[in-house]
Amino acid sequence: HHLQSTCTPKPSSIDYTQRMAPYNFTWQPSDNDESLSSSSSSSSSSTMLDTILQQAPTNINSPSSSNNSQSSFGRFVLKEPPPENEVLLRDVLQVFQYCSLHSIVWDSLDVYMNSVGMVGFYFLRPLLFAANSMGIFRRLVIRGDATPLAGEPNPLPTHEFFLAGCLLNPKLEVLEIVANREGGLVTIGDYRALRELLQRTTTLRRLKLDRVTNFEEELICQGLQENKTLRKLSLSFIQADVPDASIANVIQSLNQHPELRYLTITSSGQFGPLSSQALKTLLSSTPCKLKSLSLQGFEFFELDTTSGTLNTEDVLEGIRANRSLRNLLIGDALDGDMFFSKFFRLLGECPWLETLHLWEPNITNEDLEVVLSEQVQRLERSVVIGLGFPVLDNLEKTLSQVLRKHQEIRMEHEGFLGNAAFVHLCQWNWYGRYLMDKPEFPLSMWPVVLERANAKPNVIYEFLKGPAFAARQPYHR
């Protein structure tokens, strides 16, 4: 086996419970196929555990390590484990048992499974059940597919697979189920366990379901309606045939949620009028405490769904009625046109909004020229705005005019390889040009500007040439 581990060495004088850099452990197949065979000697069982004991930054096998103290490690990663390897499974379970006996809690268990069918089921289910029942992981990241192979007996639909034993884990704070690139099945048993977990948990803060090919709307909605702990929810429907009405029901199940702060919904043309109205209602509701909302409609896959979009006016109206939202990202999900000017006006009406990422492909010169008109006033604060790179590339000239007029716009440009003059203008605005718009700009604010423009001498030069010295000509000697 190929074992990797990373940690920061600690002086022997550091106490066992003192905070230090987390220890991470990774298992992945080596290039030598023989190392994966079940004929590995029994000493391999101690190899994985011994590696952890030798390289972990705490003396976890010391008699002084009592169960009253608890050590926190980083990530335990299994990359593409061969599910037919019973020796490997025994190795991992032995490590889990040792950690449980010595009160060692890991931040995360990450399992990347490429195999499907019953072989993967018989490997992963006992591994996850042990990890959860022992309560030694705060975060579970499971990437795989529960789809049975053709001709296999199929006990999967009613059995827990990815969520085996999750109800027994008293420390579970983060749960991520990510299907393989081509999608993947989540069993009915898993969805039932997830519903009960959402209803009963007192610790779960983050939930992510990504690219799964089946979505049990009723079970998920029942769980979300009764949940009181989630702060971050991310749902991707790009591989599932989920209609607009189902997305609307999921959003409606969050209307009374007391803790949700971050919501991400990604579809593949499945948004529509029902989900638009549901979003408007959610954002307008009194209990809504959302700080960040991400709505993406990228059509990565061809599905039997209508190429639907969100009603722009519904989204705008909901945001106007909201008072908690700070960050908004919308990508290829809106109907209509003139997106930039509408949302720029929204920034003026909603002073609590701090960032706007508008990854819509249909932004035009006419749209930007509205912002250049006298009817649109400058904002009284700086805002971060992000646009798609094709828009930056195609509308560079008009965008430059917008940035010169609206110095308060801090345009996202990292990674953009377009015209150097345009990138320079983005940098100039980004590092605080709006701060020095008036001649009475106080010298005491210069440390803020210089700190923002650190390692950007060309930007500092512009500040010195223009807003600083030129504005102070009457005082020159």
Protein backbone atom coordinates (compact mmCIF):
# COMPACT_ATOMS: atom_id res chain seq x y z
CA HIS A 1 0.00 0.00 0.00
CA HIS A 2 1.05 3.57 -0.61
CA LEU A 3 0.70 5.54 2.63
CA GLN A 4 0.99 9.29 2.85
CA SER A 5 0.78 11.46 5.94
CA THR A 6 1.45 15.07 6.68
CA CYS A 7 1.95 16.81 9.95
CA THR A 8 3.93 19.56 11.60
CA PRO A 9 6.51 18.12 14.03
CA LYS A 10 6.01 19.28 17.58
CA PRO A 11 8.55 19.79 20.34
CA SER A 12 8.37 17.12 22.97
CA SER A 13 7.53 19.76 25.56
CA ILE A 14 4.13 20.55 24.01
CA ASP A 15 1.24 19.20 26.04
CA TYR A 16 -0.89 16.44 24.50
CA THR A 17 -4.02 18.61 24.39
CA GLN A 18 -2.26 21.74 23.09
CA ARG A 19 -3.51 23.04 19.73
CA MET A 20 -1.23 22.22 16.80
CA ALA A 21 -1.30 21.68 13.05
CA PRO A 22 -3.70 18.81 12.28
CA TYR A 23 -2.35 15.42 11.26
CA ASN A 24 -3.61 14.14 7.89
CA PHE A 25 -3.48 10.57 6.62
CA THR A 26 -4.04 9.39 3.04
CA TRP A 27 -4.26 5.88 1.60
CA GLN A 28 -4.22 5.35 -2.15
CA PRO A 29 -3.30 2.46 -4.46
CA SER A 30 0.30 2.25 -5.58
CA ASP A 31 1.36 1.61 -9.16
CA ASN A 32 2.37 -1.91 -8.17
CA ASP A 33 -0.74 -4.08 -8.48
CA GLU A 34 0.81 -6.74 -6.24
CA SER A 35 0.53 -4.41 -3.26
CA LEU A 36 -3.25 -4.56 -3.58
CA SER A 37 -3.60 -8.31 -3.50
CA SER A 38 -5.25 -10.05 -0.57
CA SER A 39 -2.07 -12.08 -0.16
CA SER A 40 -0.47 -9.18 1.70
CA SER A 41 1.04 -10.41 4.91
CA SER A 42 -0.83 -9.93 8.15
CA SER A 43 1.74 -7.35 9.15
CA SER A 44 -0.02 -4.98 6.77
CA SER A 45 -2.65 -4.66 9.45
CA SER A 46 -0.14 -3.03 11.73
CA THR A 47 1.48 -1.01 8.93
CA MET A 48 -1.36 1.47 8.62
CA LEU A 49 -1.78 1.83 12.37
CA ASP A 50 1.97 1.97 13.00
CA THR A 51 2.35 4.67 10.37
CA ILE A 52 -0.21 6.79 12.18
CA LEU A 53 1.31 6.08 15.59
CA GLN A 54 4.78 6.98 14.39
CA GLN A 55 3.96 10.12 12.43
CA ALA A 56 1.04 11.66 14.31
CA PRO A 57 2.07 14.82 16.21
CA THR A 58 0.88 13.48 19.57
CA ASN A 59 1.91 10.51 21.62
CA ILE A 60 -1.45 8.78 21.29
CA ASN A 61 -0.29 5.51 22.78
CA SER A 62 1.07 7.12 25.92
CA PRO A 63 -0.45 5.90 29.19
CA SER A 64 -0.86 9.54 30.19
CA SER A 65 -3.40 9.98 27.41
CA SER A 66 -6.57 9.48 29.37
CA ASN A 67 -10.06 9.25 27.98
CA ASN A 68 -10.81 12.55 29.69
CA SER A 69 -8.72 14.37 27.09
CA GLN A 70 -9.35 14.31 23.37
CA SER A 71 -7.01 14.70 20.43
CA SER A 72 -8.20 16.22 17.18
CA PHE A 73 -6.64 15.03 13.92
CA GLY A 74 -7.23 16.31 10.38
CA ARG A 75 -8.38 14.29 7.36
CA PHE A 76 -8.44 10.52 6.97
CA VAL A 77 -8.56 9.91 3.19
CA LEU A 78 -9.18 6.71 1.25
CA LYS A 79 -8.61 7.24 -2.47
CA GLU A 80 -10.10 4.57 -4.71
CA PRO A 81 -9.80 1.69 -2.23
CA PRO A 82 -10.20 -1.73 -3.94
CA PRO A 83 -13.48 -2.98 -2.44
CA GLU A 84 -12.52 -6.65 -2.84
CA ASN A 85 -9.55 -6.19 -0.50
CA GLU A 86 -10.75 -7.51 2.86
CA VAL A 87 -7.29 -6.97 4.38
CA LEU A 88 -7.53 -3.25 3.70
CA LEU A 89 -10.98 -3.10 5.26
CA ARG A 90 -9.66 -4.85 8.37
CA ASP A 91 -6.72 -2.43 8.51
CA VAL A 92 -8.99 0.59 8.44
CA LEU A 93 -11.41 -0.80 11.01
CA GLN A 94 -8.51 -1.53 13.35
CA VAL A 95 -7.38 2.10 13.08
CA PHE A 96 -10.93 3.28 13.79
CA GLN A 97 -11.16 1.07 16.85
CA TYR A 98 -7.82 2.32 18.16
CA CYS A 99 -8.90 5.94 17.70
CA SER A 100 -12.17 5.27 19.52
CA LEU A 101 -10.40 3.66 22.48
CA HIS A 102 -7.96 6.60 22.75
CA SER A 103 -10.55 9.37 22.29
CA ILE A 104 -9.09 10.53 18.98
CA VAL A 105 -11.51 12.49 16.81
CA TRP A 106 -10.75 13.25 13.17
CA ASP A 107 -12.02 16.36 11.40
CA SER A 108 -12.97 14.48 8.25
CA LEU A 109 -13.32 11.06 6.63
CA ASP A 110 -13.04 11.32 2.83
CA VAL A 111 -13.78 8.21 0.77
CA TYR A 112 -13.43 8.25 -3.03
CA MET A 113 -15.01 5.11 -4.53
CA ASN A 114 -14.92 4.39 -8.25
CA SER A 115 -16.49 0.94 -8.00
CA VAL A 116 -20.24 0.30 -8.16
CA GLY A 117 -22.47 -2.63 -7.32
CA MET A 118 -22.50 -5.12 -4.49
CA VAL A 119 -18.70 -5.25 -4.11
CA GLY A 120 -18.59 -1.60 -3.18
CA PHE A 121 -21.63 -2.03 -0.93
CA TYR A 122 -20.01 -4.78 1.15
CA PHE A 123 -16.81 -2.73 1.55
CA LEU A 124 -18.17 0.73 2.23
CA ARG A 125 -21.19 -0.06 4.38
CA PRO A 126 -19.32 -1.68 7.32
CA LEU A 127 -16.58 0.93 7.08
CA LEU A 128 -19.03 3.85 7.37
CA PHE A 129 -21.11 2.12 10.03
CA ALA A 130 -18.00 1.69 12.18
CA ALA A 131 -16.87 5.27 11.61
CA ASN A 132 -20.27 6.66 12.61
CA SER A 133 -21.04 4.33 15.51
CA MET A 134 -17.64 5.06 17.08
CA GLY A 135 -18.20 8.80 16.72
CA ILE A 136 -14.65 9.62 15.61
CA PHE A 137 -15.39 11.85 12.58
CA ARG A 138 -16.98 15.29 12.45
CA ARG A 139 -17.23 15.40 8.66
CA LEU A 140 -18.06 12.73 6.08
CA VAL A 141 -17.31 13.20 2.38
CA ILE A 142 -18.48 10.19 0.36
CA ARG A 143 -17.97 10.05 -3.39
CA GLY A 144 -19.38 7.03 -5.15
CA ASP A 145 -22.33 5.30 -6.78
CA ALA A 146 -24.77 2.81 -5.26
CA THR A 147 -26.06 1.62 -8.63
CA PRO A 148 -26.07 -2.24 -8.76
CA LEU A 149 -24.44 -3.96 -11.71
CA ALA A 150 -26.59 -5.77 -14.25
CA GLY A 151 -27.73 -9.17 -12.99
CA GLU A 152 -26.70 -8.57 -9.39
CA PRO A 153 -29.06 -9.23 -6.49
CA ASN A 154 -30.17 -5.83 -5.32
CA PRO A 155 -30.76 -5.26 -1.61
CA LEU A 156 -29.61 -1.66 -2.02
CA PRO A 157 -32.89 0.27 -2.38
CA THR A 158 -34.04 -0.36 1.18
CA HIS A 159 -30.63 -0.47 2.86
CA GLU A 160 -28.46 2.36 4.12
CA PHE A 161 -25.29 2.63 2.08
CA PHE A 162 -23.57 6.03 2.17
CA LEU A 163 -25.35 6.90 5.43
CA ALA A 164 -24.79 3.63 7.27
CA GLY A 165 -24.84 4.37 10.99
CA CYS A 166 -25.09 8.16 10.56
CA LEU A 167 -27.81 8.37 13.23
CA LEU A 168 -25.33 6.95 15.74
CA ASN A 169 -22.69 9.64 15.19
CA PRO A 170 -22.98 12.26 17.96
CA LYS A 171 -20.28 14.46 16.42
CA LEU A 172 -21.39 14.65 12.78
CA GLU A 173 -21.32 18.31 11.65
CA VAL A 174 -20.79 18.07 7.88
CA LEU A 175 -22.18 15.54 5.39
CA GLU A 176 -21.32 15.57 1.68
CA ILE A 177 -22.54 12.95 -0.78
CA VAL A 178 -21.01 13.52 -4.20
CA ALA A 179 -21.75 11.22 -7.10
CA ASN A 180 -19.14 10.30 -9.68
CA ARG A 181 -18.74 12.48 -12.75
CA GLU A 182 -21.37 10.48 -14.64
CA GLY A 183 -23.78 10.66 -11.70
CA GLY A 184 -24.68 8.09 -9.12
CA LEU A 185 -27.56 6.50 -7.26
CA VAL A 186 -28.40 7.15 -3.62
CA THR A 187 -30.53 4.40 -2.10
CA ILE A 188 -34.01 4.88 -0.64
CA GLY A 189 -32.56 3.61 2.61
CA ASP A 190 -30.03 6.44 2.55
CA TYR A 191 -32.74 9.03 1.89
CA ARG A 192 -34.81 7.69 4.77
CA ALA A 193 -31.78 7.84 7.04
CA LEU A 194 -31.06 11.38 5.85
CA ARG A 195 -34.63 12.45 6.60
CA GLU A 196 -34.37 11.09 10.13
CA LEU A 197 -30.91 12.62 10.59
CA LEU A 198 -32.22 16.06 9.58
CA GLN A 199 -35.15 15.71 11.94
CA ARG A 200 -33.17 14.52 14.97
CA THR A 201 -29.68 16.00 14.71
CA THR A 202 -28.36 18.60 17.11
CA THR A 203 -24.93 18.87 15.45
CA LEU A 204 -25.28 18.80 11.63
CA ARG A 205 -24.35 22.20 10.19
CA ARG A 206 -23.65 21.52 6.51
CA LEU A 207 -25.27 19.24 3.92
CA LYS A 208 -24.28 18.76 0.29
CA LEU A 209 -25.90 16.50 -2.32
CA ASP A 210 -24.08 16.76 -5.63
CA ARG A 211 -24.81 15.16 -9.03
CA VAL A 212 -26.95 12.32 -7.67
CA THR A 213 -29.15 10.77 -10.36
CA ASN A 214 -32.18 10.20 -8.14
CA PHE A 215 -33.74 12.74 -5.80
CA GLU A 216 -36.39 11.74 -3.26
CA GLU A 217 -38.21 15.05 -2.95
CA GLU A 218 -40.74 14.05 -0.29
CA LEU A 219 -38.16 12.58 2.09
CA ILE A 220 -35.80 15.54 1.72
CA CYS A 221 -38.57 18.11 2.20
CA GLN A 222 -39.83 16.34 5.32
CA GLY A 223 -36.34 16.39 6.80
CA LEU A 224 -35.66 20.04 5.94
CA GLN A 225 -39.00 21.23 7.32
CA GLU A 226 -38.15 19.88 10.77
CA ASN A 227 -34.45 20.64 10.77
CA LYS A 228 -33.18 23.32 13.17
CA THR A 229 -29.39 23.09 12.79
CA LEU A 230 -28.27 23.46 9.15
CA ARG A 231 -26.36 26.62 8.33
CA LYS A 232 -25.21 25.64 4.83
CA LEU A 233 -27.15 23.67 2.21
CA SER A 234 -25.94 22.82 -1.30
CA LEU A 235 -28.09 20.87 -3.78
CA SER A 236 -27.11 20.06 -7.36
CA PHE A 237 -29.73 18.66 -9.75
CA ILE A 238 -27.64 18.67 -12.92
CA GLN A 239 -27.71 14.86 -13.21
CA ALA A 240 -31.29 14.30 -11.98
CA ASP A 241 -34.57 14.78 -13.79
CA VAL A 242 -36.04 17.12 -11.17
CA PRO A 243 -38.88 19.41 -12.36
CA ASP A 244 -39.48 23.03 -11.44
CA ALA A 245 -42.26 22.04 -8.99
CA SER A 246 -39.89 19.81 -7.01
CA ILE A 247 -37.26 22.54 -6.70
CA ALA A 248 -40.02 24.88 -5.53
CA ASN A 249 -41.10 22.39 -2.85
CA VAL A 250 -37.52 22.11 -1.57
CA ILE A 251 -37.24 25.89 -1.33
CA GLN A 252 -40.62 26.14 0.43
CA SER A 253 -39.47 23.61 3.03
CA LEU A 254 -36.87 26.19 4.12
CA ASN A 255 -39.28 29.08 4.74
CA GLN A 256 -39.27 28.69 8.52
CA HIS A 257 -35.70 27.51 8.95
CA PRO A 258 -34.14 29.37 11.89
CA GLU A 259 -30.43 28.91 11.14
CA LEU A 260 -29.80 28.60 7.38
CA ARG A 261 -27.18 31.13 6.22
CA TYR A 262 -25.81 29.73 2.92
CA LEU A 263 -27.93 28.23 0.14
CA THR A 264 -26.67 26.91 -3.23
CA ILE A 265 -28.97 25.40 -5.87
CA THR A 266 -27.57 24.22 -9.19
CA SER A 267 -29.88 23.04 -11.95
CA SER A 268 -29.65 22.12 -15.60
CA GLY A 269 -32.48 24.16 -17.03
CA GLN A 270 -34.99 23.03 -14.38
CA PHE A 271 -35.78 26.43 -12.83
CA GLY A 272 -39.14 27.94 -13.71
CA PRO A 273 -42.05 30.09 -12.47
CA LEU A 274 -42.77 27.91 -9.43
CA SER A 275 -39.21 27.96 -8.12
CA SER A 276 -39.07 31.71 -8.88
CA GLN A 277 -42.11 32.35 -6.70
CA ALA A 278 -40.75 30.05 -3.99
CA LEU A 279 -37.46 31.99 -3.91
CA LYS A 280 -39.33 35.28 -3.67
CA THR A 281 -41.35 33.95 -0.74
CA LEU A 282 -38.27 32.55 1.01
CA LEU A 283 -36.29 35.79 0.71
CA SER A 284 -39.28 37.85 1.85
CA SER A 285 -40.07 35.70 4.87
CA THR A 286 -39.35 37.10 8.31
CA PRO A 287 -37.34 34.08 9.58
CA CYS A 288 -34.99 34.22 6.56
CA LYS A 289 -31.40 34.79 7.70
CA LEU A 290 -29.60 33.94 4.46
CA LYS A 291 -26.24 35.65 4.05
CA SER A 292 -25.23 33.99 0.79
CA LEU A 293 -27.40 32.78 -2.10
CA SER A 294 -26.05 30.98 -5.18
CA LEU A 295 -28.37 30.07 -8.08
CA GLN A 296 -26.74 28.35 -11.04
CA GLY A 297 -28.46 27.08 -14.14
CA PHE A 298 -25.58 25.67 -16.14
CA GLU A 299 -26.83 23.12 -18.66
CA PHE A 300 -23.99 20.62 -18.49
CA PHE A 301 -26.14 17.64 -19.45
CA GLU A 302 -29.02 16.93 -21.80
CA LEU A 303 -32.04 15.93 -19.73
CA ASP A 304 -35.72 15.50 -20.50
CA THR A 305 -36.53 18.84 -18.90
CA THR A 306 -37.56 22.24 -20.19
CA SER A 307 -34.73 24.72 -20.49
CA GLY A 308 -36.15 26.81 -17.68
CA THR A 309 -34.96 30.00 -16.07
CA LEU A 310 -35.84 32.08 -13.04
CA ASN A 311 -38.14 35.06 -13.36
CA THR A 312 -35.81 38.04 -12.92
CA GLU A 313 -38.44 40.31 -11.39
CA ASP A 314 -39.38 37.71 -8.77
CA VAL A 315 -35.74 37.39 -7.74
CA LEU A 316 -35.28 41.17 -7.57
CA GLU A 317 -38.43 41.66 -5.55
CA GLY A 318 -37.46 38.98 -3.06
CA ILE A 319 -33.99 40.49 -2.54
CA ARG A 320 -35.45 43.97 -2.03
CA ALA A 321 -37.64 42.60 0.76
CA ASN A 322 -34.71 40.80 2.39
CA ARG A 323 -32.41 42.42 4.95
CA SER A 324 -29.86 39.69 5.68
CA LEU A 325 -28.37 38.82 2.26
CA ARG A 326 -24.74 39.88 1.80
CA ASN A 327 -23.51 37.80 -1.15
CA LEU A 328 -25.41 36.94 -4.33
CA LEU A 329 -24.29 34.70 -7.20
CA ILE A 330 -26.49 34.02 -10.22
CA GLY A 331 -25.14 32.11 -13.20
CA ASP A 332 -27.00 31.42 -16.44
CA ALA A 333 -30.30 31.19 -14.59
CA LEU A 334 -32.30 34.35 -15.42
CA ASP A 335 -34.85 35.17 -18.09
CA GLY A 336 -35.13 38.49 -19.92
CA ASP A 337 -32.36 41.00 -20.55
CA MET A 338 -30.66 44.13 -19.16
CA PHE A 339 -29.40 42.11 -16.19
CA PHE A 340 -26.43 44.28 -15.26
CA SER A 341 -28.31 47.58 -15.05
CA LYS A 342 -31.19 46.00 -13.09
CA PHE A 343 -28.92 44.42 -10.52
CA PHE A 344 -26.68 47.50 -10.29
CA ARG A 345 -29.73 49.53 -9.34
CA LEU A 346 -30.53 46.79 -6.83
CA LEU A 347 -27.14 47.38 -5.18
CA GLY A 348 -28.17 50.99 -4.62
CA GLU A 349 -31.52 49.97 -3.14
CA CYS A 350 -30.02 47.28 -0.90
CA PRO A 351 -27.01 48.75 0.93
CA TRP A 352 -26.49 45.50 2.83
CA LEU A 353 -25.41 43.65 -0.35
CA GLU A 354 -21.61 43.42 -0.48
CA THR A 355 -20.86 41.16 -3.47
CA LEU A 356 -22.66 40.43 -6.73
CA HIS A 357 -21.51 37.71 -9.11
CA LEU A 358 -23.59 37.87 -12.27
CA TRP A 359 -22.43 35.07 -14.54
CA GLU A 360 -25.06 35.70 -17.17
CA PRO A 361 -23.93 35.38 -20.81
CA ASN A 362 -26.47 37.85 -22.25
CA ILE A 363 -25.03 41.08 -20.85
CA THR A 364 -24.73 43.65 -23.68
CA ASN A 365 -23.20 47.05 -24.41
CA GLU A 366 -26.68 48.57 -24.26
CA ASP A 367 -27.08 47.13 -20.78
CA LEU A 368 -23.80 48.66 -19.59
CA GLU A 369 -24.58 52.03 -21.19
CA VAL A 370 -27.61 52.36 -18.91
CA VAL A 371 -25.22 52.35 -15.94
CA LEU A 372 -23.20 55.10 -17.67
CA SER A 373 -26.24 57.35 -17.99
CA GLU A 374 -26.95 60.21 -15.62
CA GLN A 375 -30.00 58.36 -14.29
CA VAL A 376 -27.81 55.84 -12.45
CA GLN A 377 -25.99 57.39 -9.53
CA ARG A 378 -22.76 56.18 -7.99
CA LEU A 379 -23.01 53.91 -4.99
CA GLU A 380 -22.00 55.29 -1.61
CA ARG A 381 -19.91 52.23 -0.79
CA SER A 382 -17.55 49.85 -2.53
CA VAL A 383 -19.01 46.62 -3.91
CA VAL A 384 -17.43 43.53 -5.39
CA ILE A 385 -18.87 42.58 -8.80
CA GLY A 386 -17.96 39.49 -10.79
CA LEU A 387 -18.82 38.87 -14.44
CA GLY A 388 -18.03 35.96 -16.72
CA PHE A 389 -14.70 36.17 -18.53
CA PRO A 390 -16.40 36.13 -21.98
CA VAL A 391 -18.32 39.26 -20.96
CA LEU A 392 -15.12 40.94 -19.74
CA ASP A 393 -13.42 40.03 -23.00
CA ASN A 394 -16.21 41.07 -25.37
CA LEU A 395 -17.34 44.26 -23.60
CA GLU A 396 -13.98 45.49 -22.42
CA LYS A 397 -14.29 49.01 -23.87
CA THR A 398 -17.67 49.79 -22.34
CA LEU A 399 -16.74 48.13 -19.06
CA SER A 400 -13.69 50.38 -18.86
CA GLN A 401 -15.98 53.41 -19.06
CA VAL A 402 -18.16 51.92 -16.33
CA LEU A 403 -15.17 51.39 -14.05
CA ARG A 404 -13.90 54.94 -14.64
CA LYS A 405 -17.26 56.43 -13.73
CA HIS A 406 -18.06 54.04 -10.92
CA GLN A 407 -14.82 53.88 -8.98
CA GLU A 408 -16.68 52.07 -6.21
CA ILE A 409 -16.93 48.90 -8.35
CA ARG A 410 -14.28 46.37 -7.39
CA MET A 411 -14.37 44.11 -10.44
CA GLU A 412 -13.28 40.49 -10.00
CA HIS A 413 -10.41 39.96 -12.43
CA GLU A 414 -8.11 37.31 -10.96
CA GLY A 415 -7.12 34.90 -13.72
CA PHE A 416 -8.40 37.15 -16.50
CA LEU A 417 -5.82 37.33 -19.29
CA GLY A 418 -7.35 40.11 -21.36
CA ASN A 419 -6.13 43.59 -22.21
CA ALA A 420 -3.44 44.75 -19.77
CA ALA A 421 -4.87 48.29 -19.58
CA PHE A 422 -8.27 46.93 -18.58
CA VAL A 423 -6.75 44.65 -15.94
CA HIS A 424 -4.79 47.63 -14.62
CA LEU A 425 -8.01 49.66 -14.34
CA CYS A 426 -9.64 46.78 -12.45
CA GLN A 427 -6.68 46.74 -10.06
CA TRP A 428 -6.84 50.49 -9.57
CA ASN A 429 -10.48 50.32 -8.53
CA TRP A 430 -9.96 47.14 -6.52
CA TYR A 431 -7.32 48.67 -4.28
CA GLY A 432 -9.29 51.72 -3.24
CA ARG A 433 -9.51 54.49 -5.87
CA TYR A 434 -12.99 55.40 -4.63
CA LEU A 435 -11.49 56.27 -1.24
CA MET A 436 -9.60 59.21 -2.79
CA ASP A 437 -12.33 60.62 -4.96
CA LYS A 438 -12.40 63.91 -3.06
CA PRO A 439 -9.53 66.37 -2.61
CA GLU A 440 -9.97 66.30 1.15
CA PHE A 441 -8.98 62.65 1.31
CA PRO A 442 -7.15 62.42 4.66
CA LEU A 443 -3.55 61.33 4.77
CA SER A 444 -4.41 59.05 7.65
CA MET A 445 -6.21 56.77 5.17
CA TRP A 446 -3.10 56.14 3.06
CA PRO A 447 -2.06 53.08 5.08
CA VAL A 448 -5.35 51.44 4.08
CA VAL A 449 -4.73 52.15 0.40
CA LEU A 450 -1.11 51.01 0.47
CA GLU A 451 -2.02 47.85 2.33
CA ARG A 452 -4.62 46.98 -0.31
CA ALA A 453 -2.20 47.74 -3.12
CA ASN A 454 0.62 45.74 -1.59
CA ALA A 455 2.96 44.27 -4.23
CA LYS A 456 1.18 46.29 -6.96
CA PRO A 457 3.66 49.12 -7.70
CA ASN A 458 1.87 50.15 -10.90
CA VAL A 459 -1.31 50.77 -8.91
CA ILE A 460 0.55 52.74 -6.21
CA TYR A 461 2.09 54.85 -8.99
CA GLU A 462 -1.36 55.75 -10.30
CA PHE A 463 -2.47 56.78 -6.82
CA LEU A 464 0.60 59.03 -6.39
CA LYS A 465 0.31 60.51 -9.85
CA GLY A 466 -3.39 61.28 -9.67
CA PRO A 467 -5.67 61.18 -6.65
CA ALA A 468 -2.96 62.02 -4.11
CA PHE A 469 -0.64 64.73 -5.44
CA ALA A 470 -2.74 66.16 -8.25
CA ALA A 471 -5.65 66.71 -5.89
CA ARG A 472 -3.37 68.60 -3.49
CA GLN A 473 -1.88 71.06 -6.00
CA PRO A 474 -2.96 74.13 -4.01
CA TYR A 475 -0.80 72.89 -1.13
CA HIS A 476 2.34 72.17 -3.16
CA ARG A 477 5.43 74.19 -2.22
